[in-house]
Structure formats: structure tokens, C-alpha cells
Amino acid sequence: MAIFFVRFEHPDEDGWQRWLGPHVDWIREQVERRVVLASGPSLGTPVRQGLLVMRAQDETALRAILTTDPFWEHGIIENLQITGWDPVFGSLKEFSSTPGEVELDALVSRPTPGDHG
């Protein structure tokens, strides 16, 4: 399973308030399924943002999961950003490809997005 940071905005305040309850129920369900590892709102931003750490087989599978969120279903998610992540250290290291075992040289030599070898 891959790990992803997911960020999106909610510029529609009325829609956000209307669908918050069903969205929270959806989050709780995804937490139970261990798809959502962490979730919460941004603080101090001019537009509401949701920030999530999620697990899925790949980005295609992740996007399919996201489409079941009531916020998505009702069109109040904008500026969706999905970033793959490898949590090598810390409380989420159990989800890493190499939990806590990476040498500095291995981190430096990892490909960055857009690298083609």
C-alpha cells in the first residue's frame, strides 16, 4: 500500500456546513478501514482546507476512494492535490517502504518526481 498526502479546499462555506456531518461520518469510516491515517482542517488559512494522510494501492485507487466522500459527491472540493509520501521515521513508519532503516545515502539517491533515471 502507498501513502499519500491529500489536500483540498472548501471555498463554498454553505456547502461545507451542509455536508460536514456526512463528511465526518465518511472520515470515520475510512479511519476504521485504515485508509485515512490522519485527517483534519488547516488553521489560519483564508480558505478552509482539508489535509489527510491516506493509504491506497495507488493513486488511481485513492482517487476512486475520494469520489465517495460526500464533499466530492456534492462538488465542494476544489484544488485537490495528491502527493505520494514514504513515512520513513516517526509514528507512521510502520507504513514505510523501509521503516527507520534508510541510510542518508539512500535518501539522497531516491528519485524525485519527474526523474526518469
PDB file of N, CA and C in Angstrom:
ATOM      1  N   MET A   1       0.835  -1.185   0.000  1.00  0.00           N
ATOM      2  CA  MET A   1       0.000   0.000   0.000  1.00  0.00           C
ATOM      3  C   MET A   1       0.874   1.240   0.000  1.00  0.00           C
ATOM      4  N   ALA A   2       0.455   2.229  -0.745  1.00  0.00           N
ATOM      5  CA  ALA A   2       1.166   3.501  -0.818  1.00  0.00           C
ATOM      6  C   ALA A   2       0.516   4.501   0.137  1.00  0.00           C
ATOM      7  N   ILE A   3       1.301   5.479   0.557  1.00  0.00           N
ATOM      8  CA  ILE A   3       0.826   6.537   1.446  1.00  0.00           C
ATOM      9  C   ILE A   3       0.797   7.847   0.666  1.00  0.00           C
ATOM     10  N   PHE A   4      -0.235   8.646   0.907  1.00  0.00           N
ATOM     11  CA  PHE A   4      -0.410   9.904   0.190  1.00  0.00           C
ATOM     12  C   PHE A   4      -0.820  11.011   1.152  1.00  0.00           C
ATOM     13  N   PHE A   5      -0.316  12.228   0.880  1.00  0.00           N
ATOM     14  CA  PHE A   5      -0.872  13.435   1.464  1.00  0.00           C
ATOM     15  C   PHE A   5      -1.967  13.892   0.517  1.00  0.00           C
ATOM     16  N   VAL A   6      -3.108  14.251   1.048  1.00  0.00           N
ATOM     17  CA  VAL A   6      -4.206  14.770   0.236  1.00  0.00           C
ATOM     18  C   VAL A   6      -4.592  16.128   0.826  1.00  0.00           C
ATOM     19  N   ARG A   7      -4.677  17.122  -0.036  1.00  0.00           N
ATOM     20  CA  ARG A   7      -5.058  18.470   0.385  1.00  0.00           C
ATOM     21  C   ARG A   7      -6.113  18.973  -0.580  1.00  0.00           C
ATOM     22  N   PHE A   8      -7.151  19.586  -0.033  1.00  0.00           N
ATOM     23  CA  PHE A   8      -8.148  20.223  -0.889  1.00  0.00           C
ATOM     24  C   PHE A   8      -8.746  21.407  -0.171  1.00  0.00           C
ATOM     25  N   GLU A   9      -9.401  22.268  -0.935  1.00  0.00           N
ATOM     26  CA  GLU A   9     -10.012  23.476  -0.398  1.00  0.00           C
ATOM     27  C   GLU A   9     -11.527  23.388  -0.450  1.00  0.00           C
ATOM     28  N   HIS A  10     -12.154  24.181   0.451  1.00  0.00           N
ATOM     29  CA  HIS A  10     -13.614  24.281   0.527  1.00  0.00           C
ATOM     30  C   HIS A  10     -14.013  25.754   0.477  1.00  0.00           C
ATOM     31  N   PRO A  11     -14.009  26.370  -0.691  1.00  0.00           N
ATOM     32  CA  PRO A  11     -14.385  27.781  -0.745  1.00  0.00           C
ATOM     33  C   PRO A  11     -15.882  28.028  -0.572  1.00  0.00           C
ATOM     34  N   ASP A  12     -16.702  26.986  -0.709  1.00  0.00           N
ATOM     35  CA  ASP A  12     -18.155  27.111  -0.566  1.00  0.00           C
ATOM     36  C   ASP A  12     -18.536  26.874   0.893  1.00  0.00           C
ATOM     37  N   GLU A  13     -18.593  27.942   1.677  1.00  0.00           N
ATOM     38  CA  GLU A  13     -18.866  27.834   3.119  1.00  0.00           C
ATOM     39  C   GLU A  13     -20.219  27.189   3.399  1.00  0.00           C
ATOM     40  N   ASP A  14     -21.254  27.576   2.643  1.00  0.00           N
ATOM     41  CA  ASP A  14     -22.579  26.993   2.859  1.00  0.00           C
ATOM     42  C   ASP A  14     -22.571  25.493   2.575  1.00  0.00           C
ATOM     43  N   GLY A  15     -21.923  25.095   1.471  1.00  0.00           N
ATOM     44  CA  GLY A  15     -21.823  23.676   1.134  1.00  0.00           C
ATOM     45  C   GLY A  15     -21.024  22.913   2.171  1.00  0.00           C
ATOM     46  N   TRP A  16     -19.952  23.535   2.646  1.00  0.00           N
ATOM     47  CA  TRP A  16     -19.129  22.896   3.677  1.00  0.00           C
ATOM     48  C   TRP A  16     -19.966  22.618   4.919  1.00  0.00           C
ATOM     49  N   GLN A  17     -20.713  23.618   5.375  1.00  0.00           N
ATOM     50  CA  GLN A  17     -21.534  23.440   6.568  1.00  0.00           C
ATOM     51  C   GLN A  17     -22.622  22.395   6.354  1.00  0.00           C
ATOM     52  N   ARG A  18     -23.214  22.411   5.165  1.00  0.00           N
ATOM     53  CA  ARG A  18     -24.308  21.468   4.868  1.00  0.00           C
ATOM     54  C   ARG A  18     -23.835  20.018   4.874  1.00  0.00           C
ATOM     55  N   TRP A  19     -22.632  19.747   4.329  1.00  0.00           N
ATOM     56  CA  TRP A  19     -22.162  18.380   4.141  1.00  0.00           C
ATOM     57  C   TRP A  19     -21.097  17.951   5.144  1.00  0.00           C
ATOM     58  N   LEU A  20     -20.806  18.791   6.153  1.00  0.00           N
ATOM     59  CA  LEU A  20     -19.780  18.445   7.135  1.00  0.00           C
ATOM     60  C   LEU A  20     -20.112  17.163   7.898  1.00  0.00           C
ATOM     61  N   GLY A  21     -21.338  17.019   8.367  1.00  0.00           N
ATOM     62  CA  GLY A  21     -21.724  15.814   9.119  1.00  0.00           C
ATOM     63  C   GLY A  21     -21.496  14.537   8.328  1.00  0.00           C
ATOM     64  N   PRO A  22     -22.048  14.439   7.097  1.00  0.00           N
ATOM     65  CA  PRO A  22     -21.798  13.242   6.297  1.00  0.00           C
ATOM     66  C   PRO A  22     -20.309  13.044   5.960  1.00  0.00           C
ATOM     67  N   HIS A  23     -19.580  14.143   5.769  1.00  0.00           N
ATOM     68  CA  HIS A  23     -18.140  14.039   5.502  1.00  0.00           C
ATOM     69  C   HIS A  23     -17.421  13.442   6.717  1.00  0.00           C
ATOM     70  N   VAL A  24     -17.750  13.913   7.919  1.00  0.00           N
ATOM     71  CA  VAL A  24     -17.124  13.379   9.128  1.00  0.00           C
ATOM     72  C   VAL A  24     -17.452  11.895   9.286  1.00  0.00           C
ATOM     73  N   ASP A  25     -18.679  11.496   8.982  1.00  0.00           N
ATOM     74  CA  ASP A  25     -19.038  10.071   9.014  1.00  0.00           C
ATOM     75  C   ASP A  25     -18.177   9.289   8.031  1.00  0.00           C
ATOM     76  N   TRP A  26     -17.967   9.860   6.837  1.00  0.00           N
ATOM     77  CA  TRP A  26     -17.123   9.217   5.816  1.00  0.00           C
ATOM     78  C   TRP A  26     -15.691   9.091   6.325  1.00  0.00           C
ATOM     79  N   ILE A  27     -15.165  10.147   6.940  1.00  0.00           N
ATOM     80  CA  ILE A  27     -13.806  10.104   7.503  1.00  0.00           C
ATOM     81  C   ILE A  27     -13.716   8.994   8.546  1.00  0.00           C
ATOM     82  N   ARG A  28     -14.673   8.940   9.443  1.00  0.00           N
ATOM     83  CA  ARG A  28     -14.646   7.900  10.494  1.00  0.00           C
ATOM     84  C   ARG A  28     -14.633   6.501   9.885  1.00  0.00           C
ATOM     85  N   GLU A  29     -15.425   6.307   8.838  1.00  0.00           N
ATOM     86  CA  GLU A  29     -15.450   5.005   8.159  1.00  0.00           C
ATOM     87  C   GLU A  29     -14.089   4.689   7.541  1.00  0.00           C
ATOM     88  N   GLN A  30     -13.462   5.692   6.924  1.00  0.00           N
ATOM     89  CA  GLN A  30     -12.151   5.474   6.306  1.00  0.00           C
ATOM     90  C   GLN A  30     -11.070   5.225   7.365  1.00  0.00           C
ATOM     91  N   VAL A  31     -11.205   5.850   8.527  1.00  0.00           N
ATOM     92  CA  VAL A  31     -10.267   5.594   9.637  1.00  0.00           C
ATOM     93  C   VAL A  31     -10.418   4.145  10.099  1.00  0.00           C
ATOM     94  N   GLU A  32     -11.657   3.681  10.261  1.00  0.00           N
ATOM     95  CA  GLU A  32     -11.899   2.287  10.662  1.00  0.00           C
ATOM     96  C   GLU A  32     -11.296   1.309   9.661  1.00  0.00           C
ATOM     97  N   ARG A  33     -11.359   1.651   8.394  1.00  0.00           N
ATOM     98  CA  ARG A  33     -10.815   0.793   7.335  1.00  0.00           C
ATOM     99  C   ARG A  33      -9.303   0.945   7.190  1.00  0.00           C
ATOM    100  N   ARG A  34      -8.704   1.867   7.966  1.00  0.00           N
ATOM    101  CA  ARG A  34      -7.271   2.190   7.933  1.00  0.00           C
ATOM    102  C   ARG A  34      -6.847   2.745   6.582  1.00  0.00           C
ATOM    103  N   VAL A  35      -7.779   3.416   5.923  1.00  0.00           N
ATOM    104  CA  VAL A  35      -7.479   4.154   4.692  1.00  0.00           C
ATOM    105  C   VAL A  35      -7.009   5.555   5.065  1.00  0.00           C
ATOM    106  N   VAL A  36      -7.720   6.193   5.975  1.00  0.00           N
ATOM    107  CA  VAL A  36      -7.304   7.502   6.487  1.00  0.00           C
ATOM    108  C   VAL A  36      -6.498   7.258   7.760  1.00  0.00           C
ATOM    109  N   LEU A  37      -5.239   7.719   7.741  1.00  0.00           N
ATOM    110  CA  LEU A  37      -4.367   7.582   8.902  1.00  0.00           C
ATOM    111  C   LEU A  37      -4.392   8.833   9.766  1.00  0.00           C
ATOM    112  N   ALA A  38      -4.663   9.968   9.157  1.00  0.00           N
ATOM    113  CA  ALA A  38      -4.779  11.242   9.877  1.00  0.00           C
ATOM    114  C   ALA A  38      -5.601  12.187   9.015  1.00  0.00           C
ATOM    115  N   SER A  39      -6.368  13.048   9.669  1.00  0.00           N
ATOM    116  CA  SER A  39      -7.194  13.988   8.938  1.00  0.00           C
ATOM    117  C   SER A  39      -7.518  15.168   9.834  1.00  0.00           C
ATOM    118  N   GLY A  40      -7.633  16.327   9.214  1.00  0.00           N
ATOM    119  CA  GLY A  40      -8.044  17.498   9.966  1.00  0.00           C
ATOM    120  C   GLY A  40      -8.006  18.739   9.102  1.00  0.00           C
ATOM    121  N   PRO A  41      -8.575  19.824   9.622  1.00  0.00           N
ATOM    122  CA  PRO A  41      -8.607  21.077   8.859  1.00  0.00           C
ATOM    123  C   PRO A  41      -7.320  21.867   9.046  1.00  0.00           C
ATOM    124  N   SER A  42      -7.044  22.717   8.081  1.00  0.00           N
ATOM    125  CA  SER A  42      -5.942  23.665   8.228  1.00  0.00           C
ATOM    126  C   SER A  42      -6.371  24.739   9.221  1.00  0.00           C
ATOM    127  N   LEU A  43      -5.397  25.436   9.753  1.00  0.00           N
ATOM    128  CA  LEU A  43      -5.668  26.531  10.680  1.00  0.00           C
ATOM    129  C   LEU A  43      -5.084  27.816  10.113  1.00  0.00           C
ATOM    130  N   GLY A  44      -5.822  28.894  10.228  1.00  0.00           N
ATOM    131  CA  GLY A  44      -5.307  30.196   9.840  1.00  0.00           C
ATOM    132  C   GLY A  44      -5.179  30.426   8.348  1.00  0.00           C
ATOM    133  N   THR A  45      -5.902  29.673   7.542  1.00  0.00           N
ATOM    134  CA  THR A  45      -5.854  29.862   6.095  1.00  0.00           C
ATOM    135  C   THR A  45      -7.074  30.673   5.655  1.00  0.00           C
ATOM    136  N   PRO A  46      -6.936  31.441   4.582  1.00  0.00           N
ATOM    137  CA  PRO A  46      -8.067  32.265   4.141  1.00  0.00           C
ATOM    138  C   PRO A  46      -9.237  31.436   3.591  1.00  0.00           C
ATOM    139  N   VAL A  47      -8.960  30.230   3.122  1.00  0.00           N
ATOM    140  CA  VAL A  47      -9.992  29.317   2.619  1.00  0.00           C
ATOM    141  C   VAL A  47      -9.855  28.017   3.404  1.00  0.00           C
ATOM    142  N   ARG A  48     -10.987  27.443   3.795  1.00  0.00           N
ATOM    143  CA  ARG A  48     -10.944  26.153   4.506  1.00  0.00           C
ATOM    144  C   ARG A  48     -10.198  25.125   3.663  1.00  0.00           C
ATOM    145  N   GLN A  49      -9.355  24.337   4.342  1.00  0.00           N
ATOM    146  CA  GLN A  49      -8.628  23.263   3.668  1.00  0.00           C
ATOM    147  C   GLN A  49      -8.732  21.991   4.493  1.00  0.00           C
ATOM    148  N   GLY A  50      -8.869  20.870   3.821  1.00  0.00           N
ATOM    149  CA  GLY A  50      -8.779  19.576   4.459  1.00  0.00           C
ATOM    150  C   GLY A  50      -7.418  18.985   4.148  1.00  0.00           C
ATOM    151  N   LEU A  51      -6.790  18.410   5.156  1.00  0.00           N
ATOM    152  CA  LEU A  51      -5.489  17.765   4.994  1.00  0.00           C
ATOM    153  C   LEU A  51      -5.609  16.343   5.518  1.00  0.00           C
ATOM    154  N   LEU A  52      -5.229  15.377   4.692  1.00  0.00           N
ATOM    155  CA  LEU A  52      -5.360  13.982   5.068  1.00  0.00           C
ATOM    156  C   LEU A  52      -4.087  13.219   4.731  1.00  0.00           C
ATOM    157  N   VAL A  53      -3.800  12.197   5.520  1.00  0.00           N
ATOM    158  CA  VAL A  53      -2.788  11.202   5.178  1.00  0.00           C
ATOM    159  C   VAL A  53      -3.581   9.925   4.936  1.00  0.00           C
ATOM    160  N   MET A  54      -3.443   9.375   3.718  1.00  0.00           N
ATOM    161  CA  MET A  54      -4.281   8.238   3.323  1.00  0.00           C
ATOM    162  C   MET A  54      -3.438   7.104   2.744  1.00  0.00           C
ATOM    163  N   ARG A  55      -3.995   5.904   2.789  1.00  0.00           N
ATOM    164  CA  ARG A  55      -3.369   4.712   2.212  1.00  0.00           C
ATOM    165  C   ARG A  55      -4.237   4.197   1.074  1.00  0.00           C
ATOM    166  N   ALA A  56      -3.585   3.764   0.014  1.00  0.00           N
ATOM    167  CA  ALA A  56      -4.302   3.131  -1.096  1.00  0.00           C
ATOM    168  C   ALA A  56      -3.289   2.337  -1.917  1.00  0.00           C
ATOM    169  N   GLN A  57      -3.802   1.465  -2.743  1.00  0.00           N
ATOM    170  CA  GLN A  57      -2.928   0.659  -3.594  1.00  0.00           C
ATOM    171  C   GLN A  57      -2.090   1.540  -4.513  1.00  0.00           C
ATOM    172  N   ASP A  58      -2.722   2.577  -5.059  1.00  0.00           N
ATOM    173  CA  ASP A  58      -2.031   3.514  -5.944  1.00  0.00           C
ATOM    174  C   ASP A  58      -2.902   4.765  -6.050  1.00  0.00           C
ATOM    175  N   GLU A  59      -2.445   5.751  -6.816  1.00  0.00           N
ATOM    176  CA  GLU A  59      -3.202   6.997  -6.902  1.00  0.00           C
ATOM    177  C   GLU A  59      -4.565   6.805  -7.551  1.00  0.00           C
ATOM    178  N   THR A  60      -4.672   5.919  -8.509  1.00  0.00           N
ATOM    179  CA  THR A  60      -5.964   5.660  -9.146  1.00  0.00           C
ATOM    180  C   THR A  60      -6.970   5.136  -8.121  1.00  0.00           C
ATOM    181  N   ALA A  61      -6.528   4.197  -7.285  1.00  0.00           N
ATOM    182  CA  ALA A  61      -7.404   3.659  -6.243  1.00  0.00           C
ATOM    183  C   ALA A  61      -7.758   4.739  -5.220  1.00  0.00           C
ATOM    184  N   LEU A  62      -6.793   5.584  -4.888  1.00  0.00           N
ATOM    185  CA  LEU A  62      -7.042   6.676  -3.952  1.00  0.00           C
ATOM    186  C   LEU A  62      -8.110   7.623  -4.492  1.00  0.00           C
ATOM    187  N   ARG A  63      -7.986   7.982  -5.763  1.00  0.00           N
ATOM    188  CA  ARG A  63      -8.980   8.885  -6.361  1.00  0.00           C
ATOM    189  C   ARG A  63     -10.377   8.255  -6.343  1.00  0.00           C
ATOM    190  N   ALA A  64     -10.453   6.954  -6.561  1.00  0.00           N
ATOM    191  CA  ALA A  64     -11.752   6.270  -6.509  1.00  0.00           C
ATOM    192  C   ALA A  64     -12.353   6.354  -5.107  1.00  0.00           C
ATOM    193  N   ILE A  65     -11.515   6.215  -4.089  1.00  0.00           N
ATOM    194  CA  ILE A  65     -11.990   6.344  -2.713  1.00  0.00           C
ATOM    195  C   ILE A  65     -12.479   7.767  -2.455  1.00  0.00           C
ATOM    196  N   LEU A  66     -11.704   8.751  -2.890  1.00  0.00           N
ATOM    197  CA  LEU A  66     -12.065  10.149  -2.659  1.00  0.00           C
ATOM    198  C   LEU A  66     -13.417  10.509  -3.280  1.00  0.00           C
ATOM    199  N   THR A  67     -13.763   9.882  -4.388  1.00  0.00           N
ATOM    200  CA  THR A  67     -15.041  10.205  -5.035  1.00  0.00           C
ATOM    201  C   THR A  67     -16.245   9.756  -4.214  1.00  0.00           C
ATOM    202  N   THR A  68     -16.024   8.950  -3.166  1.00  0.00           N
ATOM    203  CA  THR A  68     -17.127   8.524  -2.306  1.00  0.00           C
ATOM    204  C   THR A  68     -17.350   9.485  -1.138  1.00  0.00           C
ATOM    205  N   ASP A  69     -16.476  10.473  -0.983  1.00  0.00           N
ATOM    206  CA  ASP A  69     -16.621  11.484   0.068  1.00  0.00           C
ATOM    207  C   ASP A  69     -17.813  12.378  -0.283  1.00  0.00           C
ATOM    208  N   PRO A  70     -18.749  12.592   0.648  1.00  0.00           N
ATOM    209  CA  PRO A  70     -19.875  13.486   0.356  1.00  0.00           C
ATOM    210  C   PRO A  70     -19.443  14.875  -0.113  1.00  0.00           C
ATOM    211  N   PHE A  71     -18.331  15.389   0.379  1.00  0.00           N
ATOM    212  CA  PHE A  71     -17.838  16.666  -0.121  1.00  0.00           C
ATOM    213  C   PHE A  71     -17.566  16.575  -1.623  1.00  0.00           C
ATOM    214  N   TRP A  72     -16.979  15.469  -2.069  1.00  0.00           N
ATOM    215  CA  TRP A  72     -16.693  15.275  -3.501  1.00  0.00           C
ATOM    216  C   TRP A  72     -18.007  15.126  -4.263  1.00  0.00           C
ATOM    217  N   GLU A  73     -18.870  14.259  -3.751  1.00  0.00           N
ATOM    218  CA  GLU A  73     -20.139  13.979  -4.429  1.00  0.00           C
ATOM    219  C   GLU A  73     -20.970  15.239  -4.654  1.00  0.00           C
ATOM    220  N   HIS A  74     -20.836  16.218  -3.755  1.00  0.00           N
ATOM    221  CA  HIS A  74     -21.639  17.435  -3.851  1.00  0.00           C
ATOM    222  C   HIS A  74     -20.846  18.627  -4.372  1.00  0.00           C
ATOM    223  N   GLY A  75     -19.663  18.353  -4.925  1.00  0.00           N
ATOM    224  CA  GLY A  75     -18.904  19.357  -5.660  1.00  0.00           C
ATOM    225  C   GLY A  75     -18.316  20.492  -4.846  1.00  0.00           C
ATOM    226  N   ILE A  76     -17.979  20.232  -3.596  1.00  0.00           N
ATOM    227  CA  ILE A  76     -17.404  21.338  -2.820  1.00  0.00           C
ATOM    228  C   ILE A  76     -15.920  21.117  -2.498  1.00  0.00           C
ATOM    229  N   ILE A  77     -15.266  20.269  -3.268  1.00  0.00           N
ATOM    230  CA  ILE A  77     -13.810  20.114  -3.171  1.00  0.00           C
ATOM    231  C   ILE A  77     -13.195  20.810  -4.368  1.00  0.00           C
ATOM    232  N   GLU A  78     -12.252  21.702  -4.085  1.00  0.00           N
ATOM    233  CA  GLU A  78     -11.518  22.389  -5.144  1.00  0.00           C
ATOM    234  C   GLU A  78     -10.027  22.296  -4.862  1.00  0.00           C
ATOM    235  N   ASN A  79      -9.245  22.470  -5.915  1.00  0.00           N
ATOM    236  CA  ASN A  79      -7.782  22.492  -5.810  1.00  0.00           C
ATOM    237  C   ASN A  79      -7.224  21.259  -5.098  1.00  0.00           C
ATOM    238  N   LEU A  80      -7.693  20.093  -5.514  1.00  0.00           N
ATOM    239  CA  LEU A  80      -7.220  18.827  -4.972  1.00  0.00           C
ATOM    240  C   LEU A  80      -5.744  18.638  -5.316  1.00  0.00           C
ATOM    241  N   GLN A  81      -4.956  18.293  -4.310  1.00  0.00           N
ATOM    242  CA  GLN A  81      -3.548  17.964  -4.509  1.00  0.00           C
ATOM    243  C   GLN A  81      -3.278  16.626  -3.843  1.00  0.00           C
ATOM    244  N   ILE A  82      -2.647  15.723  -4.578  1.00  0.00           N
ATOM    245  CA  ILE A  82      -2.292  14.403  -4.054  1.00  0.00           C
ATOM    246  C   ILE A  82      -0.779  14.256  -4.215  1.00  0.00           C
ATOM    247  N   THR A  83      -0.113  13.912  -3.116  1.00  0.00           N
ATOM    248  CA  THR A  83       1.335  13.747  -3.130  1.00  0.00           C
ATOM    249  C   THR A  83       1.683  12.420  -2.482  1.00  0.00           C
ATOM    250  N   GLY A  84       2.435  11.586  -3.177  1.00  0.00           N
ATOM    251  CA  GLY A  84       2.919  10.347  -2.593  1.00  0.00           C
ATOM    252  C   GLY A  84       3.933  10.646  -1.502  1.00  0.00           C
ATOM    253  N   TRP A  85       4.005   9.768  -0.490  1.00  0.00           N
ATOM    254  CA  TRP A  85       4.873  10.009   0.654  1.00  0.00           C
ATOM    255  C   TRP A  85       5.349   8.691   1.227  1.00  0.00           C
ATOM    256  N   ASP A  86       6.584   8.658   1.706  1.00  0.00           N
ATOM    257  CA  ASP A  86       7.144   7.483   2.369  1.00  0.00           C
ATOM    258  C   ASP A  86       7.547   7.885   3.786  1.00  0.00           C
ATOM    259  N   PRO A  87       6.723   7.580   4.801  1.00  0.00           N
ATOM    260  CA  PRO A  87       6.992   7.992   6.177  1.00  0.00           C
ATOM    261  C   PRO A  87       8.066   7.123   6.839  1.00  0.00           C
ATOM    262  N   VAL A  88       9.308   7.369   6.527  1.00  0.00           N
ATOM    263  CA  VAL A  88      10.420   6.542   6.989  1.00  0.00           C
ATOM    264  C   VAL A  88      10.570   6.577   8.510  1.00  0.00           C
ATOM    265  N   PHE A  89      10.381   7.753   9.116  1.00  0.00           N
ATOM    266  CA  PHE A  89      10.601   7.909  10.552  1.00  0.00           C
ATOM    267  C   PHE A  89       9.334   8.393  11.241  1.00  0.00           C
ATOM    268  N   GLY A  90       9.207   8.104  12.534  1.00  0.00           N
ATOM    269  CA  GLY A  90       8.107   8.627  13.330  1.00  0.00           C
ATOM    270  C   GLY A  90       6.973   7.644  13.528  1.00  0.00           C
ATOM    271  N   SER A  91       5.845   8.175  13.964  1.00  0.00           N
ATOM    272  CA  SER A  91       4.727   7.329  14.376  1.00  0.00           C
ATOM    273  C   SER A  91       4.042   6.598  13.215  1.00  0.00           C
ATOM    274  N   LEU A  92       4.294   7.016  11.989  1.00  0.00           N
ATOM    275  CA  LEU A  92       3.692   6.333  10.834  1.00  0.00           C
ATOM    276  C   LEU A  92       4.698   5.449  10.096  1.00  0.00           C
ATOM    277  N   LYS A  93       5.870   5.211  10.689  1.00  0.00           N
ATOM    278  CA  LYS A  93       6.919   4.467   9.984  1.00  0.00           C
ATOM    279  C   LYS A  93       6.512   3.036   9.641  1.00  0.00           C
ATOM    280  N   GLU A  94       5.524   2.490  10.349  1.00  0.00           N
ATOM    281  CA  GLU A  94       5.068   1.132  10.010  1.00  0.00           C
ATOM    282  C   GLU A  94       4.530   1.051   8.575  1.00  0.00           C
ATOM    283  N   PHE A  95       4.181   2.211   7.999  1.00  0.00           N
ATOM    284  CA  PHE A  95       3.646   2.251   6.644  1.00  0.00           C
ATOM    285  C   PHE A  95       4.725   2.550   5.604  1.00  0.00           C
ATOM    286  N   SER A  96       5.972   2.663   6.045  1.00  0.00           N
ATOM    287  CA  SER A  96       7.080   2.998   5.149  1.00  0.00           C
ATOM    288  C   SER A  96       7.528   1.792   4.341  1.00  0.00           C
ATOM    289  N   SER A  97       8.154   2.090   3.217  1.00  0.00           N
ATOM    290  CA  SER A  97       8.772   1.024   2.429  1.00  0.00           C
ATOM    291  C   SER A  97      10.039   0.516   3.116  1.00  0.00           C
ATOM    292  N   THR A  98      10.651   1.343   3.967  1.00  0.00           N
ATOM    293  CA  THR A  98      11.867   0.980   4.708  1.00  0.00           C
ATOM    294  C   THR A  98      11.831   1.642   6.085  1.00  0.00           C
ATOM    295  N   PRO A  99      10.966   1.186   6.995  1.00  0.00           N
ATOM    296  CA  PRO A  99      10.747   1.887   8.257  1.00  0.00           C
ATOM    297  C   PRO A  99      12.000   2.045   9.111  1.00  0.00           C
ATOM    298  N   GLY A 100      12.460   3.291   9.225  1.00  0.00           N
ATOM    299  CA  GLY A 100      13.568   3.625  10.092  1.00  0.00           C
ATOM    300  C   GLY A 100      14.906   3.036   9.711  1.00  0.00           C
ATOM    301  N   GLU A 101      14.992   2.422   8.535  1.00  0.00           N
ATOM    302  CA  GLU A 101      16.211   1.714   8.152  1.00  0.00           C
ATOM    303  C   GLU A 101      16.996   2.403   7.050  1.00  0.00           C
ATOM    304  N   VAL A 102      16.535   3.536   6.603  1.00  0.00           N
ATOM    305  CA  VAL A 102      17.165   4.194   5.457  1.00  0.00           C
ATOM    306  C   VAL A 102      18.439   4.903   5.882  1.00  0.00           C
ATOM    307  N   GLU A 103      19.489   4.677   5.144  1.00  0.00           N
ATOM    308  CA  GLU A 103      20.742   5.396   5.340  1.00  0.00           C
ATOM    309  C   GLU A 103      20.649   6.727   4.605  1.00  0.00           C
ATOM    310  N   LEU A 104      21.426   7.684   5.031  1.00  0.00           N
ATOM    311  CA  LEU A 104      21.425   9.006   4.416  1.00  0.00           C
ATOM    312  C   LEU A 104      21.648   8.918   2.911  1.00  0.00           C
ATOM    313  N   ASP A 105      22.594   8.094   2.472  1.00  0.00           N
ATOM    314  CA  ASP A 105      22.874   7.968   1.037  1.00  0.00           C
ATOM    315  C   ASP A 105      21.646   7.488   0.270  1.00  0.00           C
ATOM    316  N   ALA A 106      20.862   6.596   0.878  1.00  0.00           N
ATOM    317  CA  ALA A 106      19.664   6.092   0.203  1.00  0.00           C
ATOM    318  C   ALA A 106      18.630   7.199   0.059  1.00  0.00           C
ATOM    319  N   LEU A 107      18.489   8.049   1.068  1.00  0.00           N
ATOM    320  CA  LEU A 107      17.536   9.162   0.972  1.00  0.00           C
ATOM    321  C   LEU A 107      17.957  10.145  -0.107  1.00  0.00           C
ATOM    322  N   VAL A 108      19.249  10.418  -0.201  1.00  0.00           N
ATOM    323  CA  VAL A 108      19.759  11.378  -1.188  1.00  0.00           C
ATOM    324  C   VAL A 108      19.570  10.843  -2.601  1.00  0.00           C
ATOM    325  N   SER A 109      19.719   9.541  -2.765  1.00  0.00           N
ATOM    326  CA  SER A 109      19.665   8.974  -4.126  1.00  0.00           C
ATOM    327  C   SER A 109      18.272   8.591  -4.572  1.00  0.00           C
ATOM    328  N   ARG A 110      17.259   8.749  -3.718  1.00  0.00           N
ATOM    329  CA  ARG A 110      15.889   8.426  -4.134  1.00  0.00           C
ATOM    330  C   ARG A 110      15.460   9.349  -5.256  1.00  0.00           C
ATOM    331  N   PRO A 111      14.750   8.806  -6.253  1.00  0.00           N
ATOM    332  CA  PRO A 111      14.281   9.668  -7.339  1.00  0.00           C
ATOM    333  C   PRO A 111      13.233  10.658  -6.834  1.00  0.00           C
ATOM    334  N   THR A 112      13.260  11.841  -7.415  1.00  0.00           N
ATOM    335  CA  THR A 112      12.232  12.834  -7.134  1.00  0.00           C
ATOM    336  C   THR A 112      11.216  12.789  -8.260  1.00  0.00           C
ATOM    337  N   PRO A 113      10.009  13.294  -8.041  1.00  0.00           N
ATOM    338  CA  PRO A 113       9.022  13.284  -9.105  1.00  0.00           C
ATOM    339  C   PRO A 113       9.593  13.933 -10.364  1.00  0.00           C
ATOM    340  N   GLY A 114       9.370  13.299 -11.465  1.00  0.00           N
ATOM    341  CA  GLY A 114       9.868  13.813 -12.733  1.00  0.00           C
ATOM    342  C   GLY A 114      11.191  13.212 -13.140  1.00  0.00           C
ATOM    343  N   ASP A 115      11.912  12.586 -12.181  1.00  0.00           N
ATOM    344  CA  ASP A 115      13.161  11.903 -12.525  1.00  0.00           C
ATOM    345  C   ASP A 115      12.819  10.637 -13.299  1.00  0.00           C
ATOM    346  N   HIS A 116      13.566  10.387 -14.326  1.00  0.00           N
ATOM    347  CA  HIS A 116      13.327   9.182 -15.130  1.00  0.00           C
ATOM    348  C   HIS A 116      14.563   8.319 -15.201  1.00  0.00           C
ATOM    349  N   GLY A 117      15.414   8.427 -14.198  1.00  0.00           N
ATOM    350  CA  GLY A 117      16.562   7.558 -14.076  1.00  0.00           C
ATOM    351  C   GLY A 117      17.672   8.011 -14.834  1.00  0.00           C
TER     352      GLY A 117
END
